[in-house]
């Protein structure tokens, strides 16, 4: 049971990482697009 919880925790952490990485990527793209527009 404890081991299973750890696996679930790891999975949710990885999902959060992917979310933040894609969010940062979108921010970077928006910034570069804004610079091109200026």
C-alpha atoms as a PDB file:
ATOM      1  CA  UNK A   1       0.000   0.000   0.000  1.00  0.00           C
ATOM      2  CA  UNK A   2       2.743   2.479   0.945  1.00  0.00           C
ATOM      3  CA  UNK A   3       4.746   1.546  -2.133  1.00  0.00           C
ATOM      4  CA  UNK A   4       1.701   2.131  -4.333  1.00  0.00           C
ATOM      5  CA  UNK A   5       1.202   5.598  -2.846  1.00  0.00           C
ATOM      6  CA  UNK A   6       4.811   6.468  -3.646  1.00  0.00           C
ATOM      7  CA  UNK A   7       4.298   5.407  -7.257  1.00  0.00           C
ATOM      8  CA  UNK A   8       1.167   7.561  -7.479  1.00  0.00           C
ATOM      9  CA  UNK A   9       3.039  10.499  -5.944  1.00  0.00           C
ATOM     10  CA  UNK A  10       5.827  10.088  -8.497  1.00  0.00           C
ATOM     11  CA  UNK A  11       3.319   9.956 -11.361  1.00  0.00           C
ATOM     12  CA  UNK A  12       1.546  13.132 -10.226  1.00  0.00           C
ATOM     13  CA  UNK A  13       4.889  14.898  -9.767  1.00  0.00           C
ATOM     14  CA  UNK A  14       5.900  13.945 -13.312  1.00  0.00           C
ATOM     15  CA  UNK A  15       2.551  15.229 -14.636  1.00  0.00           C
ATOM     16  CA  UNK A  16       3.063  18.531 -12.798  1.00  0.00           C
ATOM     17  CA  UNK A  17       6.577  18.780 -14.268  1.00  0.00           C
ATOM     18  CA  UNK A  18       5.245  18.230 -17.796  1.00  0.00           C
ATOM     19  CA  UNK A  19       2.545  20.859 -17.204  1.00  0.00           C
ATOM     20  CA  UNK A  20       5.044  23.459 -15.950  1.00  0.00           C
ATOM     21  CA  UNK A  21       7.484  22.657 -18.784  1.00  0.00           C
ATOM     22  CA  UNK A  22       4.806  23.109 -21.460  1.00  0.00           C
ATOM     23  CA  UNK A  23       3.668  26.304 -19.681  1.00  0.00           C
ATOM     24  CA  UNK A  24       7.230  27.679 -19.689  1.00  0.00           C
ATOM     25  CA  UNK A  25       7.566  26.740 -23.359  1.00  0.00           C
ATOM     26  CA  UNK A  26       4.394  28.666 -24.182  1.00  0.00           C
ATOM     27  CA  UNK A  27       5.695  31.687 -22.222  1.00  0.00           C
ATOM     28  CA  UNK A  28       9.005  31.597 -24.108  1.00  0.00           C
ATOM     29  CA  UNK A  29       7.180  31.411 -27.434  1.00  0.00           C
ATOM     30  CA  UNK A  30       4.955  34.353 -26.477  1.00  0.00           C
ATOM     31  CA  UNK A  31       8.017  36.401 -25.468  1.00  0.00           C
ATOM     32  CA  UNK A  32       9.890  35.692 -28.714  1.00  0.00           C
ATOM     33  CA  UNK A  33       6.762  36.471 -30.742  1.00  0.00           C
ATOM     34  CA  UNK A  34       6.378  39.764 -28.871  1.00  0.00           C
ATOM     35  CA  UNK A  35       9.996  40.726 -29.600  1.00  0.00           C
ATOM     36  CA  UNK A  36       9.521  40.030 -33.297  1.00  0.00           C
ATOM     37  CA  UNK A  37       6.433  42.259 -33.309  1.00  0.00           C
ATOM     38  CA  UNK A  38       8.279  45.201 -31.769  1.00  0.00           C
END
